[in-house]
């Protein structure tokens, strides 16, 4: 998987650097949750995101922005253990997300953006604190290998930097069926990010 990811980043960087008007790196913070019956009453989980982006200007007011993003996602849940304490479940999910976004410029620097994404699950781990801590560990088999959905948000350019905020709406059921019971879980992520343009043509 690591070799595949490195190859994908290398190909993306080469194509973007030779064809795009802008190419750069971005980092950000995710406030992630998982919605659905399989994660009823779960709370948001903080995590980080990192990746590369390019922008191809189709006109003065419209740009196409593909990205390759390593995204930390998941959710957490606190449950009463029945003995006056609580048990905290933290579900960690790691994805490689590939959004293709349209940037609609409302001025020289401010833009609205939106478009589809596809995500590839690279890791899943359940951490349990409290009396059931031994139940945690790798649980990638409980989740489907791909996710898809839509992203909408806004951003602004400031020289070689850009700043953005967007919402990632998962449309795919990411939970595998367990013992014949159909899972119900969809990703939900609010993301804040800052990018730096390595190439700014």
C-alpha atoms as a PDB file:
ATOM      1  CA  UNK A   1       0.000   0.000   0.000  1.00  0.00           C
ATOM      2  CA  UNK A   2       2.823   2.422   0.841  1.00  0.00           C
ATOM      3  CA  UNK A   3       4.404   1.855  -2.574  1.00  0.00           C
ATOM      4  CA  UNK A   4       1.063   2.443  -4.272  1.00  0.00           C
ATOM      5  CA  UNK A   5       0.550   5.692  -2.344  1.00  0.00           C
ATOM      6  CA  UNK A   6       4.046   6.932  -3.127  1.00  0.00           C
ATOM      7  CA  UNK A   7       3.565   6.113  -6.808  1.00  0.00           C
ATOM      8  CA  UNK A   8       0.197   7.903  -6.856  1.00  0.00           C
ATOM      9  CA  UNK A   9       1.683  11.014  -5.255  1.00  0.00           C
ATOM     10  CA  UNK A  10       4.595  10.966  -7.711  1.00  0.00           C
ATOM     11  CA  UNK A  11       2.306  10.660 -10.755  1.00  0.00           C
ATOM     12  CA  UNK A  12      -0.042  13.361  -9.457  1.00  0.00           C
ATOM     13  CA  UNK A  13       2.860  15.712  -8.751  1.00  0.00           C
ATOM     14  CA  UNK A  14       4.411  15.180 -12.194  1.00  0.00           C
ATOM     15  CA  UNK A  15       1.176  15.715 -14.111  1.00  0.00           C
ATOM     16  CA  UNK A  16       0.216  18.739 -12.028  1.00  0.00           C
ATOM     17  CA  UNK A  17       3.639  20.353 -12.197  1.00  0.00           C
ATOM     18  CA  UNK A  18       3.764  20.083 -15.974  1.00  0.00           C
ATOM     19  CA  UNK A  19       0.186  21.121 -16.781  1.00  0.00           C
ATOM     20  CA  UNK A  20      -1.478  23.035 -13.937  1.00  0.00           C
ATOM     21  CA  UNK A  21      -1.483  26.766 -13.313  1.00  0.00           C
ATOM     22  CA  UNK A  22      -1.027  26.105  -9.577  1.00  0.00           C
ATOM     23  CA  UNK A  23       0.444  23.170  -7.702  1.00  0.00           C
ATOM     24  CA  UNK A  24       1.061  22.905  -3.968  1.00  0.00           C
ATOM     25  CA  UNK A  25       0.739  21.114  -0.666  1.00  0.00           C
ATOM     26  CA  UNK A  26      -1.907  21.530   2.013  1.00  0.00           C
ATOM     27  CA  UNK A  27      -2.399  20.607   5.656  1.00  0.00           C
ATOM     28  CA  UNK A  28      -5.509  20.843   7.751  1.00  0.00           C
ATOM     29  CA  UNK A  29      -7.667  19.691  10.613  1.00  0.00           C
ATOM     30  CA  UNK A  30     -10.689  17.406  10.421  1.00  0.00           C
ATOM     31  CA  UNK A  31     -13.675  17.395  12.745  1.00  0.00           C
ATOM     32  CA  UNK A  32     -14.963  13.976  11.747  1.00  0.00           C
ATOM     33  CA  UNK A  33     -17.947  11.853  12.656  1.00  0.00           C
ATOM     34  CA  UNK A  34     -19.734   8.758  11.381  1.00  0.00           C
ATOM     35  CA  UNK A  35     -23.489   8.980  10.865  1.00  0.00           C
ATOM     36  CA  UNK A  36     -25.921   6.062  10.812  1.00  0.00           C
ATOM     37  CA  UNK A  37     -27.509   3.337  12.925  1.00  0.00           C
ATOM     38  CA  UNK A  38     -24.155   1.577  13.400  1.00  0.00           C
ATOM     39  CA  UNK A  39     -22.777   4.707  15.115  1.00  0.00           C
ATOM     40  CA  UNK A  40     -25.880   6.075  16.803  1.00  0.00           C
ATOM     41  CA  UNK A  41     -25.167   9.021  19.139  1.00  0.00           C
ATOM     42  CA  UNK A  42     -21.454   9.126  18.266  1.00  0.00           C
ATOM     43  CA  UNK A  43     -19.415  12.289  18.813  1.00  0.00           C
ATOM     44  CA  UNK A  44     -16.992  14.116  16.540  1.00  0.00           C
ATOM     45  CA  UNK A  45     -13.314  13.202  16.539  1.00  0.00           C
ATOM     46  CA  UNK A  46     -10.413  15.584  15.821  1.00  0.00           C
ATOM     47  CA  UNK A  47      -7.752  14.523  13.328  1.00  0.00           C
ATOM     48  CA  UNK A  48      -5.369  15.844  10.675  1.00  0.00           C
ATOM     49  CA  UNK A  49      -5.160  15.872   6.905  1.00  0.00           C
ATOM     50  CA  UNK A  50      -2.287  16.324   4.462  1.00  0.00           C
ATOM     51  CA  UNK A  51      -1.932  16.213   0.713  1.00  0.00           C
ATOM     52  CA  UNK A  52      -1.251  17.877  -2.614  1.00  0.00           C
ATOM     53  CA  UNK A  53      -3.461  19.887  -4.953  1.00  0.00           C
ATOM     54  CA  UNK A  54      -3.412  21.421  -8.405  1.00  0.00           C
ATOM     55  CA  UNK A  55      -5.606  23.970 -10.118  1.00  0.00           C
ATOM     56  CA  UNK A  56      -6.346  24.180 -13.830  1.00  0.00           C
ATOM     57  CA  UNK A  57      -8.019  27.471 -14.796  1.00  0.00           C
ATOM     58  CA  UNK A  58     -10.772  26.887 -17.338  1.00  0.00           C
ATOM     59  CA  UNK A  59     -11.656  30.594 -17.491  1.00  0.00           C
ATOM     60  CA  UNK A  60     -11.079  33.758 -15.462  1.00  0.00           C
ATOM     61  CA  UNK A  61     -13.798  32.711 -13.004  1.00  0.00           C
ATOM     62  CA  UNK A  62     -13.717  28.905 -13.091  1.00  0.00           C
ATOM     63  CA  UNK A  63     -10.984  26.533 -12.000  1.00  0.00           C
ATOM     64  CA  UNK A  64     -10.763  22.734 -11.709  1.00  0.00           C
ATOM     65  CA  UNK A  65      -8.933  21.544  -8.577  1.00  0.00           C
ATOM     66  CA  UNK A  66      -8.033  17.837  -8.204  1.00  0.00           C
ATOM     67  CA  UNK A  67      -6.416  16.761  -4.943  1.00  0.00           C
ATOM     68  CA  UNK A  68      -4.767  13.717  -3.378  1.00  0.00           C
ATOM     69  CA  UNK A  69      -5.354  13.830   0.376  1.00  0.00           C
ATOM     70  CA  UNK A  70      -4.380  11.649   3.332  1.00  0.00           C
ATOM     71  CA  UNK A  71      -7.340  12.102   5.657  1.00  0.00           C
ATOM     72  CA  UNK A  72      -7.751  11.034   9.279  1.00  0.00           C
ATOM     73  CA  UNK A  73     -11.426  10.386  10.041  1.00  0.00           C
ATOM     74  CA  UNK A  74     -13.638   8.404  12.408  1.00  0.00           C
ATOM     75  CA  UNK A  75     -15.759   9.015  15.490  1.00  0.00           C
ATOM     76  CA  UNK A  76     -15.889   8.460  19.239  1.00  0.00           C
ATOM     77  CA  UNK A  77     -18.575   7.283  21.643  1.00  0.00           C
ATOM     78  CA  UNK A  78     -18.894   7.353  25.433  1.00  0.00           C
ATOM     79  CA  UNK A  79     -21.019   4.594  26.994  1.00  0.00           C
ATOM     80  CA  UNK A  80     -22.055   4.019  30.614  1.00  0.00           C
ATOM     81  CA  UNK A  81     -20.416   0.797  31.841  1.00  0.00           C
ATOM     82  CA  UNK A  82     -23.201   0.137  34.355  1.00  0.00           C
ATOM     83  CA  UNK A  83     -20.862   0.453  37.329  1.00  0.00           C
ATOM     84  CA  UNK A  84     -20.763   4.205  37.699  1.00  0.00           C
ATOM     85  CA  UNK A  85     -18.028   4.671  35.094  1.00  0.00           C
ATOM     86  CA  UNK A  86     -17.838   5.035  31.344  1.00  0.00           C
ATOM     87  CA  UNK A  87     -16.249   3.325  28.381  1.00  0.00           C
ATOM     88  CA  UNK A  88     -14.856   5.423  25.523  1.00  0.00           C
ATOM     89  CA  UNK A  89     -14.728   3.981  22.020  1.00  0.00           C
ATOM     90  CA  UNK A  90     -12.536   5.750  19.446  1.00  0.00           C
ATOM     91  CA  UNK A  91     -12.884   4.566  15.878  1.00  0.00           C
ATOM     92  CA  UNK A  92      -9.960   5.705  13.739  1.00  0.00           C
ATOM     93  CA  UNK A  93     -10.265   5.606   9.957  1.00  0.00           C
ATOM     94  CA  UNK A  94      -7.517   6.597   7.529  1.00  0.00           C
ATOM     95  CA  UNK A  95      -8.350   7.353   3.905  1.00  0.00           C
ATOM     96  CA  UNK A  96      -6.681   8.495   0.730  1.00  0.00           C
ATOM     97  CA  UNK A  97      -9.298  10.859  -0.681  1.00  0.00           C
ATOM     98  CA  UNK A  98      -9.323  12.040  -4.285  1.00  0.00           C
ATOM     99  CA  UNK A  99     -11.683  15.006  -4.725  1.00  0.00           C
ATOM    100  CA  UNK A 100     -12.188  16.807  -8.036  1.00  0.00           C
ATOM    101  CA  UNK A 101     -13.555  20.242  -7.199  1.00  0.00           C
ATOM    102  CA  UNK A 102     -14.818  23.168  -9.239  1.00  0.00           C
ATOM    103  CA  UNK A 103     -13.676  26.570  -7.928  1.00  0.00           C
ATOM    104  CA  UNK A 104     -16.054  29.400  -8.819  1.00  0.00           C
ATOM    105  CA  UNK A 105     -14.377  32.774  -8.215  1.00  0.00           C
ATOM    106  CA  UNK A 106     -16.576  35.589  -6.914  1.00  0.00           C
ATOM    107  CA  UNK A 107     -13.705  38.058  -7.055  1.00  0.00           C
ATOM    108  CA  UNK A 108      -9.989  37.964  -7.667  1.00  0.00           C
ATOM    109  CA  UNK A 109      -9.200  35.769  -4.638  1.00  0.00           C
ATOM    110  CA  UNK A 110     -12.404  34.498  -2.993  1.00  0.00           C
ATOM    111  CA  UNK A 111     -14.049  31.332  -4.332  1.00  0.00           C
ATOM    112  CA  UNK A 112     -16.773  28.781  -3.696  1.00  0.00           C
ATOM    113  CA  UNK A 113     -15.965  25.149  -4.403  1.00  0.00           C
ATOM    114  CA  UNK A 114     -17.726  21.834  -4.749  1.00  0.00           C
ATOM    115  CA  UNK A 115     -17.508  18.465  -6.405  1.00  0.00           C
ATOM    116  CA  UNK A 116     -17.336  14.708  -5.952  1.00  0.00           C
ATOM    117  CA  UNK A 117     -14.698  12.639  -4.171  1.00  0.00           C
ATOM    118  CA  UNK A 118     -13.727   9.002  -3.872  1.00  0.00           C
ATOM    119  CA  UNK A 119     -11.907   7.649  -0.832  1.00  0.00           C
ATOM    120  CA  UNK A 120      -9.778   4.544  -0.346  1.00  0.00           C
ATOM    121  CA  UNK A 121      -9.563   3.092   3.171  1.00  0.00           C
ATOM    122  CA  UNK A 122      -5.963   2.411   4.230  1.00  0.00           C
ATOM    123  CA  UNK A 123      -6.365   1.696   7.945  1.00  0.00           C
ATOM    124  CA  UNK A 124      -9.040   1.210  10.612  1.00  0.00           C
ATOM    125  CA  UNK A 125      -8.413   0.858  14.321  1.00  0.00           C
ATOM    126  CA  UNK A 126     -10.733   0.754  17.329  1.00  0.00           C
ATOM    127  CA  UNK A 127      -9.370   2.044  20.640  1.00  0.00           C
ATOM    128  CA  UNK A 128     -11.348   1.253  23.792  1.00  0.00           C
ATOM    129  CA  UNK A 129     -10.550   2.822  27.146  1.00  0.00           C
ATOM    130  CA  UNK A 130     -11.942   1.560  30.443  1.00  0.00           C
ATOM    131  CA  UNK A 131     -12.890  -1.951  31.517  1.00  0.00           C
ATOM    132  CA  UNK A 132     -13.092  -3.217  27.905  1.00  0.00           C
ATOM    133  CA  UNK A 133      -9.725  -1.909  26.716  1.00  0.00           C
ATOM    134  CA  UNK A 134      -8.630  -5.384  25.572  1.00  0.00           C
ATOM    135  CA  UNK A 135     -11.322  -5.351  22.875  1.00  0.00           C
ATOM    136  CA  UNK A 136      -9.589  -2.696  20.771  1.00  0.00           C
ATOM    137  CA  UNK A 137      -7.338  -3.216  17.768  1.00  0.00           C
ATOM    138  CA  UNK A 138      -7.364  -3.423  14.007  1.00  0.00           C
ATOM    139  CA  UNK A 139     -10.904  -3.680  12.615  1.00  0.00           C
ATOM    140  CA  UNK A 140     -10.443  -2.831   8.944  1.00  0.00           C
ATOM    141  CA  UNK A 141     -12.574  -5.855   8.021  1.00  0.00           C
ATOM    142  CA  UNK A 142     -15.585  -4.063   9.533  1.00  0.00           C
ATOM    143  CA  UNK A 143     -15.452  -1.342   6.851  1.00  0.00           C
ATOM    144  CA  UNK A 144     -15.698  -1.259   3.084  1.00  0.00           C
ATOM    145  CA  UNK A 145     -12.569  -0.418   1.154  1.00  0.00           C
ATOM    146  CA  UNK A 146     -14.008   2.577  -0.733  1.00  0.00           C
ATOM    147  CA  UNK A 147     -16.087   5.634   0.069  1.00  0.00           C
ATOM    148  CA  UNK A 148     -17.596   8.304  -2.149  1.00  0.00           C
ATOM    149  CA  UNK A 149     -19.553  11.485  -1.731  1.00  0.00           C
ATOM    150  CA  UNK A 150     -19.427  15.241  -2.237  1.00  0.00           C
ATOM    151  CA  UNK A 151     -17.470  18.188  -0.872  1.00  0.00           C
ATOM    152  CA  UNK A 152     -18.700  21.791  -0.678  1.00  0.00           C
ATOM    153  CA  UNK A 153     -16.963  24.807   0.797  1.00  0.00           C
ATOM    154  CA  UNK A 154     -15.247  28.119   0.239  1.00  0.00           C
ATOM    155  CA  UNK A 155     -11.744  29.538   0.261  1.00  0.00           C
ATOM    156  CA  UNK A 156      -9.474  32.463  -0.456  1.00  0.00           C
ATOM    157  CA  UNK A 157      -6.053  32.982  -1.998  1.00  0.00           C
ATOM    158  CA  UNK A 158      -3.431  35.204  -0.376  1.00  0.00           C
ATOM    159  CA  UNK A 159      -0.250  35.256  -2.420  1.00  0.00           C
ATOM    160  CA  UNK A 160       1.290  31.794  -2.348  1.00  0.00           C
ATOM    161  CA  UNK A 161      -1.099  30.693   0.400  1.00  0.00           C
ATOM    162  CA  UNK A 162      -4.718  29.664   0.269  1.00  0.00           C
ATOM    163  CA  UNK A 163      -7.181  29.031   3.050  1.00  0.00           C
ATOM    164  CA  UNK A 164     -10.326  26.972   2.957  1.00  0.00           C
ATOM    165  CA  UNK A 165     -13.159  25.381   4.860  1.00  0.00           C
ATOM    166  CA  UNK A 166     -15.412  22.657   3.515  1.00  0.00           C
ATOM    167  CA  UNK A 167     -17.840  19.907   4.390  1.00  0.00           C
ATOM    168  CA  UNK A 168     -17.327  16.322   3.239  1.00  0.00           C
ATOM    169  CA  UNK A 169     -20.634  14.474   2.905  1.00  0.00           C
ATOM    170  CA  UNK A 170     -20.247  10.721   2.610  1.00  0.00           C
ATOM    171  CA  UNK A 171     -22.913   9.140   0.415  1.00  0.00           C
ATOM    172  CA  UNK A 172     -21.667   5.546   0.600  1.00  0.00           C
ATOM    173  CA  UNK A 173     -22.469   3.075   3.356  1.00  0.00           C
ATOM    174  CA  UNK A 174     -18.964   2.279   4.634  1.00  0.00           C
ATOM    175  CA  UNK A 175     -19.956  -0.450   7.128  1.00  0.00           C
ATOM    176  CA  UNK A 176     -19.644  -4.120   6.210  1.00  0.00           C
ATOM    177  CA  UNK A 177     -22.458  -6.508   7.100  1.00  0.00           C
ATOM    178  CA  UNK A 178     -21.784  -8.454  10.297  1.00  0.00           C
ATOM    179  CA  UNK A 179     -23.419 -11.868  10.894  1.00  0.00           C
ATOM    180  CA  UNK A 180     -26.096 -11.090   8.343  1.00  0.00           C
ATOM    181  CA  UNK A 181     -26.920  -7.693   9.872  1.00  0.00           C
ATOM    182  CA  UNK A 182     -26.613  -4.831   7.412  1.00  0.00           C
ATOM    183  CA  UNK A 183     -24.366  -2.038   8.629  1.00  0.00           C
ATOM    184  CA  UNK A 184     -25.313   1.629   8.348  1.00  0.00           C
ATOM    185  CA  UNK A 185     -22.508   4.197   8.518  1.00  0.00           C
ATOM    186  CA  UNK A 186     -21.523   7.235   6.448  1.00  0.00           C
ATOM    187  CA  UNK A 187     -18.605   9.618   6.815  1.00  0.00           C
ATOM    188  CA  UNK A 188     -19.228  13.225   7.832  1.00  0.00           C
ATOM    189  CA  UNK A 189     -16.273  15.618   8.006  1.00  0.00           C
ATOM    190  CA  UNK A 190     -15.757  19.346   8.492  1.00  0.00           C
ATOM    191  CA  UNK A 191     -12.301  20.336   7.279  1.00  0.00           C
ATOM    192  CA  UNK A 192     -10.235  23.489   7.686  1.00  0.00           C
ATOM    193  CA  UNK A 193      -7.042  23.688   5.642  1.00  0.00           C
ATOM    194  CA  UNK A 194      -4.199  25.898   4.521  1.00  0.00           C
ATOM    195  CA  UNK A 195      -2.280  25.379   1.302  1.00  0.00           C
ATOM    196  CA  UNK A 196       1.056  26.588  -0.030  1.00  0.00           C
ATOM    197  CA  UNK A 197       1.624  26.937  -3.766  1.00  0.00           C
ATOM    198  CA  UNK A 198       4.957  25.469  -4.822  1.00  0.00           C
ATOM    199  CA  UNK A 199       4.232  26.435  -8.427  1.00  0.00           C
ATOM    200  CA  UNK A 200       2.177  29.571  -9.094  1.00  0.00           C
ATOM    201  CA  UNK A 201       1.925  30.240 -12.810  1.00  0.00           C
END
